[in-house]
N, C-alpha and C. Protein backbone atom coordinates (compact mmCIF):
# COMPACT_ATOMS: atom_id res chain seq x y z
N UNK A 1 76.56 80.32 114.02
CA UNK A 1 77.46 80.17 115.14
C UNK A 1 78.03 81.53 115.53
N UNK A 2 77.95 81.88 116.80
CA UNK A 2 78.49 83.16 117.26
C UNK A 2 80.00 83.11 117.35
N UNK A 3 80.64 84.21 117.01
CA UNK A 3 82.09 84.33 117.09
C UNK A 3 82.42 85.30 118.21
N UNK A 4 83.56 85.10 118.88
CA UNK A 4 83.98 86.07 119.91
C UNK A 4 84.14 87.46 119.31
N UNK A 5 83.95 88.48 120.13
CA UNK A 5 84.13 89.86 119.66
C UNK A 5 85.52 90.03 119.08
N UNK A 6 85.61 90.68 117.96
CA UNK A 6 86.89 90.92 117.33
C UNK A 6 87.38 89.77 116.48
N UNK A 7 86.63 88.66 116.44
CA UNK A 7 87.05 87.49 115.66
C UNK A 7 86.53 87.62 114.24
N UNK A 8 87.41 87.46 113.29
CA UNK A 8 87.02 87.50 111.88
C UNK A 8 87.40 86.17 111.25
N UNK A 9 86.41 85.34 110.86
CA UNK A 9 86.75 84.07 110.22
C UNK A 9 87.53 84.33 108.94
N UNK A 10 88.59 83.59 108.74
CA UNK A 10 89.44 83.78 107.58
C UNK A 10 90.28 82.55 107.38
N UNK A 11 90.59 82.24 106.13
CA UNK A 11 91.49 81.13 105.89
C UNK A 11 92.92 81.63 105.95
N UNK A 12 93.12 82.88 106.31
CA UNK A 12 94.47 83.42 106.46
C UNK A 12 94.64 84.69 105.68
N UNK A 13 95.83 85.30 105.80
CA UNK A 13 96.09 86.56 105.13
C UNK A 13 95.91 86.49 103.62
N UNK A 14 96.15 85.33 103.03
CA UNK A 14 96.10 85.22 101.58
C UNK A 14 94.69 85.38 101.03
N UNK A 15 93.64 85.20 101.86
CA UNK A 15 92.29 85.35 101.31
C UNK A 15 91.79 86.79 101.38
N UNK A 16 92.55 87.69 101.98
CA UNK A 16 92.12 89.09 102.10
C UNK A 16 91.80 89.71 100.75
N UNK A 17 92.66 89.59 99.71
CA UNK A 17 92.30 90.20 98.43
C UNK A 17 91.01 89.65 97.84
N UNK A 18 90.73 88.38 98.07
CA UNK A 18 89.52 87.80 97.51
C UNK A 18 88.28 88.40 98.16
N UNK A 19 88.31 88.63 99.47
CA UNK A 19 87.17 89.26 100.15
C UNK A 19 87.03 90.71 99.73
N UNK A 20 88.15 91.37 99.42
CA UNK A 20 88.12 92.78 99.04
C UNK A 20 87.67 92.94 97.60
N UNK A 21 87.84 91.94 96.77
CA UNK A 21 87.43 92.02 95.37
C UNK A 21 85.94 92.28 95.22
N UNK A 22 85.13 91.66 96.04
CA UNK A 22 83.67 91.71 95.89
C UNK A 22 83.12 93.14 95.84
N UNK A 23 83.42 93.99 96.84
CA UNK A 23 82.84 95.34 96.77
C UNK A 23 83.46 96.21 95.67
N UNK A 24 84.68 95.89 95.23
CA UNK A 24 85.32 96.69 94.19
C UNK A 24 84.89 96.27 92.79
N UNK A 25 84.20 95.14 92.71
CA UNK A 25 83.67 94.63 91.44
C UNK A 25 84.76 94.52 90.37
N UNK A 26 85.93 94.03 90.79
CA UNK A 26 87.01 93.83 89.85
C UNK A 26 86.91 92.41 89.28
N UNK A 27 87.07 92.32 87.98
CA UNK A 27 87.06 91.02 87.32
C UNK A 27 88.50 90.53 87.23
N UNK A 28 88.84 89.61 88.10
CA UNK A 28 90.19 89.06 88.15
C UNK A 28 90.13 87.65 87.59
N UNK A 29 90.87 87.42 86.54
CA UNK A 29 90.90 86.08 85.94
C UNK A 29 91.75 85.12 86.76
N UNK A 30 92.84 85.63 87.31
CA UNK A 30 93.73 84.79 88.10
C UNK A 30 94.45 85.66 89.13
N UNK A 31 94.56 85.14 90.35
CA UNK A 31 95.24 85.85 91.43
C UNK A 31 96.03 84.83 92.24
N UNK A 32 97.32 85.02 92.28
CA UNK A 32 98.20 84.13 93.06
C UNK A 32 99.02 84.99 94.00
N UNK A 33 99.12 84.55 95.25
CA UNK A 33 99.91 85.27 96.24
C UNK A 33 100.96 84.31 96.78
N UNK A 34 102.21 84.73 96.67
CA UNK A 34 103.31 83.97 97.26
C UNK A 34 103.90 84.85 98.35
N UNK A 35 104.06 84.28 99.53
CA UNK A 35 104.58 85.07 100.63
C UNK A 35 105.67 84.30 101.36
N UNK A 36 106.76 84.98 101.62
CA UNK A 36 107.88 84.40 102.36
C UNK A 36 108.12 85.27 103.58
N UNK A 37 108.11 84.63 104.74
CA UNK A 37 108.40 85.32 105.98
C UNK A 37 109.71 84.74 106.52
N UNK A 38 110.67 85.60 106.74
CA UNK A 38 111.99 85.18 107.21
C UNK A 38 112.13 85.46 108.70
N UNK A 39 112.50 84.44 109.45
CA UNK A 39 112.70 84.56 110.89
C UNK A 39 114.14 84.21 111.22
N UNK A 40 114.63 84.76 112.32
CA UNK A 40 115.94 84.36 112.81
C UNK A 40 115.86 84.22 114.33
N UNK A 41 116.74 83.39 114.88
CA UNK A 41 116.76 83.17 116.32
C UNK A 41 118.19 82.86 116.76
N UNK A 42 118.49 83.18 118.01
CA UNK A 42 119.78 82.82 118.59
C UNK A 42 119.64 81.57 119.45
N UNK A 43 118.50 80.92 119.39
CA UNK A 43 118.22 79.77 120.23
C UNK A 43 119.24 78.65 120.06
N UNK A 44 119.78 78.48 118.88
CA UNK A 44 120.71 77.37 118.62
C UNK A 44 122.16 77.85 118.55
N UNK A 45 122.48 78.91 119.28
CA UNK A 45 123.84 79.45 119.30
C UNK A 45 124.35 79.47 120.74
N UNK A 46 125.46 80.12 120.94
CA UNK A 46 126.01 80.25 122.29
C UNK A 46 125.10 81.08 123.21
N UNK A 47 124.17 81.80 122.64
CA UNK A 47 123.24 82.58 123.46
C UNK A 47 122.46 81.66 124.39
N UNK A 48 122.32 80.40 124.00
CA UNK A 48 121.58 79.45 124.82
C UNK A 48 122.26 79.28 126.19
N UNK A 49 123.58 79.28 126.20
CA UNK A 49 124.32 79.13 127.46
C UNK A 49 124.14 80.35 128.35
N UNK A 50 124.02 81.51 127.75
CA UNK A 50 123.91 82.76 128.50
C UNK A 50 122.46 83.18 128.73
N UNK A 51 121.53 82.40 128.22
CA UNK A 51 120.09 82.71 128.29
C UNK A 51 119.81 84.10 127.70
N UNK A 52 120.48 84.41 126.62
CA UNK A 52 120.30 85.69 125.92
C UNK A 52 119.60 85.43 124.58
N UNK A 53 118.48 84.75 124.66
CA UNK A 53 117.77 84.40 123.44
C UNK A 53 117.18 85.63 122.76
N UNK A 54 117.23 85.62 121.47
CA UNK A 54 116.59 86.67 120.68
C UNK A 54 116.01 86.02 119.45
N UNK A 55 114.81 86.43 119.12
CA UNK A 55 114.16 85.98 117.90
C UNK A 55 113.56 87.20 117.23
N UNK A 56 113.53 87.18 115.92
CA UNK A 56 112.94 88.33 115.22
C UNK A 56 112.43 87.91 113.86
N UNK A 57 111.51 88.68 113.39
CA UNK A 57 111.05 88.53 112.01
C UNK A 57 111.98 89.40 111.17
N UNK A 58 112.68 88.77 110.26
CA UNK A 58 113.67 89.49 109.46
C UNK A 58 113.08 90.07 108.19
N UNK A 59 111.81 89.88 107.96
CA UNK A 59 111.18 90.50 106.80
C UNK A 59 110.10 89.63 106.18
N UNK A 60 109.22 90.27 105.46
CA UNK A 60 108.14 89.59 104.75
C UNK A 60 108.21 90.04 103.29
N UNK A 61 108.25 89.08 102.40
CA UNK A 61 108.25 89.37 100.96
C UNK A 61 106.95 88.81 100.39
N UNK A 62 106.22 89.65 99.69
CA UNK A 62 104.96 89.23 99.08
C UNK A 62 105.04 89.45 97.58
N UNK A 63 104.68 88.42 96.84
CA UNK A 63 104.67 88.48 95.37
C UNK A 63 103.24 88.20 94.93
N UNK A 64 102.61 89.19 94.32
CA UNK A 64 101.22 89.07 93.86
C UNK A 64 101.23 88.99 92.34
N UNK A 65 100.63 87.94 91.81
CA UNK A 65 100.56 87.74 90.36
C UNK A 65 99.09 87.81 89.96
N UNK A 66 98.76 88.75 89.09
CA UNK A 66 97.37 88.99 88.71
C UNK A 66 97.22 88.95 87.20
N UNK A 67 96.14 88.33 86.76
CA UNK A 67 95.74 88.40 85.36
C UNK A 67 94.36 89.04 85.34
N UNK A 68 94.27 90.21 84.69
CA UNK A 68 93.02 90.96 84.66
C UNK A 68 93.05 91.96 83.51
N UNK A 69 91.86 92.34 83.05
CA UNK A 69 91.76 93.36 82.00
C UNK A 69 91.68 94.77 82.60
N UNK A 70 91.63 94.86 83.92
CA UNK A 70 91.55 96.16 84.57
C UNK A 70 92.89 96.87 84.49
N UNK A 71 92.88 98.21 84.56
CA UNK A 71 94.13 98.97 84.50
C UNK A 71 95.00 98.71 85.73
N UNK A 72 96.30 98.92 85.56
CA UNK A 72 97.27 98.69 86.64
C UNK A 72 96.90 99.46 87.90
N UNK A 73 96.39 100.68 87.76
CA UNK A 73 96.05 101.50 88.93
C UNK A 73 95.00 100.81 89.81
N UNK A 74 94.02 100.17 89.19
CA UNK A 74 92.96 99.49 89.95
C UNK A 74 93.53 98.29 90.70
N UNK A 75 94.44 97.57 90.08
CA UNK A 75 95.05 96.40 90.71
C UNK A 75 95.99 96.83 91.82
N UNK A 76 96.75 97.90 91.60
CA UNK A 76 97.63 98.42 92.65
C UNK A 76 96.82 98.86 93.86
N UNK A 77 95.68 99.49 93.62
CA UNK A 77 94.79 99.93 94.71
C UNK A 77 94.27 98.71 95.47
N UNK A 78 93.92 97.65 94.76
CA UNK A 78 93.46 96.42 95.39
C UNK A 78 94.52 95.86 96.34
N UNK A 79 95.76 95.82 95.89
CA UNK A 79 96.84 95.30 96.73
C UNK A 79 97.06 96.21 97.94
N UNK A 80 97.03 97.50 97.73
CA UNK A 80 97.21 98.45 98.83
C UNK A 80 96.12 98.27 99.89
N UNK A 81 94.87 98.21 99.45
CA UNK A 81 93.75 98.05 100.38
C UNK A 81 93.85 96.70 101.08
N UNK A 82 94.26 95.67 100.37
CA UNK A 82 94.41 94.33 100.96
C UNK A 82 95.45 94.33 102.06
N UNK A 83 96.58 94.97 101.81
CA UNK A 83 97.63 95.03 102.83
C UNK A 83 97.15 95.81 104.05
N UNK A 84 96.43 96.89 103.83
CA UNK A 84 95.92 97.70 104.93
C UNK A 84 94.87 96.95 105.75
N UNK A 85 94.11 96.06 105.10
CA UNK A 85 93.04 95.32 105.78
C UNK A 85 93.53 94.02 106.40
N UNK A 86 94.71 93.57 106.06
CA UNK A 86 95.23 92.29 106.54
C UNK A 86 95.73 92.40 107.97
N UNK A 87 95.05 91.73 108.89
CA UNK A 87 95.42 91.82 110.30
C UNK A 87 96.80 91.23 110.55
N UNK A 88 97.15 90.16 109.88
CA UNK A 88 98.47 89.55 110.06
C UNK A 88 99.57 90.50 109.60
N UNK A 89 99.38 91.12 108.45
CA UNK A 89 100.38 92.05 107.92
C UNK A 89 100.53 93.25 108.85
N UNK A 90 99.41 93.79 109.32
CA UNK A 90 99.46 94.95 110.19
C UNK A 90 100.13 94.62 111.53
N UNK A 91 99.92 93.40 112.03
CA UNK A 91 100.57 93.00 113.28
C UNK A 91 102.08 92.93 113.10
N UNK A 92 102.53 92.53 111.92
CA UNK A 92 103.96 92.43 111.66
C UNK A 92 104.62 93.80 111.50
N UNK A 93 103.92 94.76 110.89
CA UNK A 93 104.55 96.05 110.61
C UNK A 93 104.29 97.09 111.70
N UNK A 94 103.43 96.77 112.65
CA UNK A 94 103.11 97.71 113.72
C UNK A 94 103.71 97.23 115.03
N UNK A 95 104.00 98.16 115.91
CA UNK A 95 104.43 97.78 117.25
C UNK A 95 103.19 97.28 117.98
N UNK A 96 103.22 96.02 118.41
CA UNK A 96 102.05 95.40 119.02
C UNK A 96 102.34 95.11 120.49
N UNK A 97 101.53 95.67 121.39
CA UNK A 97 101.74 95.35 122.81
C UNK A 97 101.40 93.89 123.06
N UNK A 98 102.15 93.26 123.95
CA UNK A 98 101.90 91.87 124.29
C UNK A 98 101.77 91.72 125.79
N UNK A 99 101.09 90.67 126.20
CA UNK A 99 100.92 90.36 127.60
C UNK A 99 100.88 88.84 127.70
N UNK A 100 101.65 88.28 128.60
CA UNK A 100 101.67 86.83 128.80
C UNK A 100 101.17 86.52 130.19
N UNK A 101 100.24 85.58 130.28
CA UNK A 101 99.75 85.09 131.57
C UNK A 101 100.23 83.65 131.70
N UNK A 102 100.57 83.27 132.91
CA UNK A 102 101.02 81.91 133.16
C UNK A 102 100.14 81.29 134.23
N UNK A 103 99.63 80.11 133.92
CA UNK A 103 98.83 79.38 134.87
C UNK A 103 99.46 77.99 135.01
N UNK A 104 99.74 77.60 136.23
CA UNK A 104 100.34 76.30 136.52
C UNK A 104 99.43 75.54 137.47
N UNK A 105 98.99 74.38 137.02
CA UNK A 105 98.12 73.52 137.82
C UNK A 105 96.91 74.28 138.37
N UNK A 106 96.34 75.11 137.50
CA UNK A 106 95.12 75.83 137.86
C UNK A 106 95.35 77.12 138.64
N UNK A 107 96.61 77.45 138.94
CA UNK A 107 96.88 78.66 139.71
C UNK A 107 97.64 79.66 138.85
N UNK A 108 97.16 80.90 138.93
CA UNK A 108 97.80 81.99 138.20
C UNK A 108 99.14 82.31 138.85
N UNK A 109 100.19 82.38 138.05
CA UNK A 109 101.50 82.75 138.59
C UNK A 109 101.82 84.19 138.24
């Protein structure tokens, strides 16, 4: 099946280390990733009356638990490369240009 240009099939950011393990030939006995993303919004405050809505990502916390016989340096490198390769993580930490198009009843607004 053909994928659109730039599309990378993935079950999500959490599978990035698993795909990166293969070329590094690291023997990982167990790998668990816990990730918490904190968001905040003014949508449910007085800002709603003034139409001064603001939403933001207040931070991402990632906890990686690894069981392996490899040295700490190799595992640290794996996590570093995984974060650099993760499109979701990079979108959160980089300034990303956005563009919104609106179409109503088949007409571009």
